[in-house]
């Protein structure tokens, strides 16, 4: 995909052309696999990186009170 854009990027991810959910028997079929970079893979699968905002947990901050050391004479 990067080469189509004129970019040379290391391919570090294997992408299944035909999704495994649609046809799990082609999981290791070489004609169903392509090597792509992580950025292109994320573009092909935007649903994998997104969270449902309603299901996000609110993060709580823990406040710790500190007191400075007293000066000694």
C-alpha atoms as a PDB file:
ATOM      1  CA  UNK A   1       0.000   0.000   0.000  1.00  0.00           C
ATOM      2  CA  UNK A   2       2.859   2.373   0.776  1.00  0.00           C
ATOM      3  CA  UNK A   3       4.500   1.627  -2.574  1.00  0.00           C
ATOM      4  CA  UNK A   4       1.295   2.702  -4.319  1.00  0.00           C
ATOM      5  CA  UNK A   5       1.764   6.084  -2.582  1.00  0.00           C
ATOM      6  CA  UNK A   6       5.452   6.210  -3.565  1.00  0.00           C
ATOM      7  CA  UNK A   7       6.675   5.479  -0.024  1.00  0.00           C
ATOM      8  CA  UNK A   8       9.181   2.847   1.025  1.00  0.00           C
ATOM      9  CA  UNK A   9       8.216   1.572   4.485  1.00  0.00           C
ATOM     10  CA  UNK A  10       9.212  -1.650   6.274  1.00  0.00           C
ATOM     11  CA  UNK A  11       6.344  -4.138   6.257  1.00  0.00           C
ATOM     12  CA  UNK A  12       6.046  -5.513   9.800  1.00  0.00           C
ATOM     13  CA  UNK A  13       2.428  -6.715   9.771  1.00  0.00           C
ATOM     14  CA  UNK A  14       0.653  -9.499   7.906  1.00  0.00           C
ATOM     15  CA  UNK A  15      -2.829  -8.652   6.644  1.00  0.00           C
ATOM     16  CA  UNK A  16      -5.474 -11.184   5.629  1.00  0.00           C
ATOM     17  CA  UNK A  17      -7.054 -10.036   2.371  1.00  0.00           C
ATOM     18  CA  UNK A  18     -10.165 -12.091   3.060  1.00  0.00           C
ATOM     19  CA  UNK A  19     -11.120 -11.613   6.711  1.00  0.00           C
ATOM     20  CA  UNK A  20     -10.743 -14.591   9.004  1.00  0.00           C
ATOM     21  CA  UNK A  21     -14.277 -14.148  10.309  1.00  0.00           C
ATOM     22  CA  UNK A  22     -15.579 -14.576   6.759  1.00  0.00           C
ATOM     23  CA  UNK A  23     -13.369 -17.535   5.812  1.00  0.00           C
ATOM     24  CA  UNK A  24     -11.219 -18.995   8.637  1.00  0.00           C
ATOM     25  CA  UNK A  25      -9.987 -21.837   6.405  1.00  0.00           C
ATOM     26  CA  UNK A  26      -7.816 -19.305   4.507  1.00  0.00           C
ATOM     27  CA  UNK A  27      -5.951 -18.188   7.634  1.00  0.00           C
ATOM     28  CA  UNK A  28      -2.570 -19.508   6.434  1.00  0.00           C
ATOM     29  CA  UNK A  29      -3.235 -19.473   2.703  1.00  0.00           C
ATOM     30  CA  UNK A  30      -0.336 -17.488   1.191  1.00  0.00           C
ATOM     31  CA  UNK A  31      -2.542 -16.076  -1.545  1.00  0.00           C
ATOM     32  CA  UNK A  32      -4.693 -14.501   1.194  1.00  0.00           C
ATOM     33  CA  UNK A  33      -1.782 -12.773   2.986  1.00  0.00           C
ATOM     34  CA  UNK A  34       0.033  -9.507   2.263  1.00  0.00           C
ATOM     35  CA  UNK A  35       2.784  -7.735   4.186  1.00  0.00           C
ATOM     36  CA  UNK A  36       2.049  -4.135   5.096  1.00  0.00           C
ATOM     37  CA  UNK A  37       3.212  -1.541   7.605  1.00  0.00           C
ATOM     38  CA  UNK A  38       1.335  -1.008  10.855  1.00  0.00           C
ATOM     39  CA  UNK A  39      -0.006   2.381   9.721  1.00  0.00           C
ATOM     40  CA  UNK A  40      -1.589   0.897   6.594  1.00  0.00           C
ATOM     41  CA  UNK A  41      -2.982  -2.006   8.613  1.00  0.00           C
ATOM     42  CA  UNK A  42      -4.628   0.436  11.021  1.00  0.00           C
ATOM     43  CA  UNK A  43      -6.157   2.251   8.058  1.00  0.00           C
ATOM     44  CA  UNK A  44      -7.587  -1.041   6.772  1.00  0.00           C
ATOM     45  CA  UNK A  45      -8.944  -1.911  10.236  1.00  0.00           C
ATOM     46  CA  UNK A  46     -10.016   1.341  11.932  1.00  0.00           C
ATOM     47  CA  UNK A  47     -12.471  -0.624  14.084  1.00  0.00           C
ATOM     48  CA  UNK A  48      -9.659  -2.362  15.976  1.00  0.00           C
ATOM     49  CA  UNK A  49      -8.153   0.760  17.470  1.00  0.00           C
ATOM     50  CA  UNK A  50     -11.312   2.611  18.409  1.00  0.00           C
ATOM     51  CA  UNK A  51     -13.008   2.381  21.737  1.00  0.00           C
ATOM     52  CA  UNK A  52     -16.628   2.927  22.458  1.00  0.00           C
ATOM     53  CA  UNK A  53     -16.664   6.227  24.406  1.00  0.00           C
ATOM     54  CA  UNK A  54     -19.605   5.032  26.495  1.00  0.00           C
ATOM     55  CA  UNK A  55     -17.623   2.070  27.776  1.00  0.00           C
ATOM     56  CA  UNK A  56     -14.513   4.048  28.739  1.00  0.00           C
ATOM     57  CA  UNK A  57     -13.824   3.982  32.434  1.00  0.00           C
ATOM     58  CA  UNK A  58     -13.311   7.263  34.154  1.00  0.00           C
ATOM     59  CA  UNK A  59      -9.860   7.536  35.592  1.00  0.00           C
ATOM     60  CA  UNK A  60      -9.489   8.682  39.149  1.00  0.00           C
ATOM     61  CA  UNK A  61      -6.550  10.718  40.323  1.00  0.00           C
ATOM     62  CA  UNK A  62      -5.042   9.841  43.663  1.00  0.00           C
ATOM     63  CA  UNK A  63      -3.983  12.956  45.541  1.00  0.00           C
ATOM     64  CA  UNK A  64      -1.153  12.612  48.011  1.00  0.00           C
ATOM     65  CA  UNK A  65      -0.557  15.391  50.486  1.00  0.00           C
ATOM     66  CA  UNK A  66       3.071  16.247  51.149  1.00  0.00           C
ATOM     67  CA  UNK A  67       4.565  18.314  53.943  1.00  0.00           C
ATOM     68  CA  UNK A  68       8.000  19.920  53.696  1.00  0.00           C
ATOM     69  CA  UNK A  69      10.704  18.946  56.182  1.00  0.00           C
ATOM     70  CA  UNK A  70      11.244  21.379  59.026  1.00  0.00           C
ATOM     71  CA  UNK A  71      14.530  23.237  59.041  1.00  0.00           C
ATOM     72  CA  UNK A  72      16.860  22.305  61.881  1.00  0.00           C
ATOM     73  CA  UNK A  73      19.250  24.742  63.415  1.00  0.00           C
END
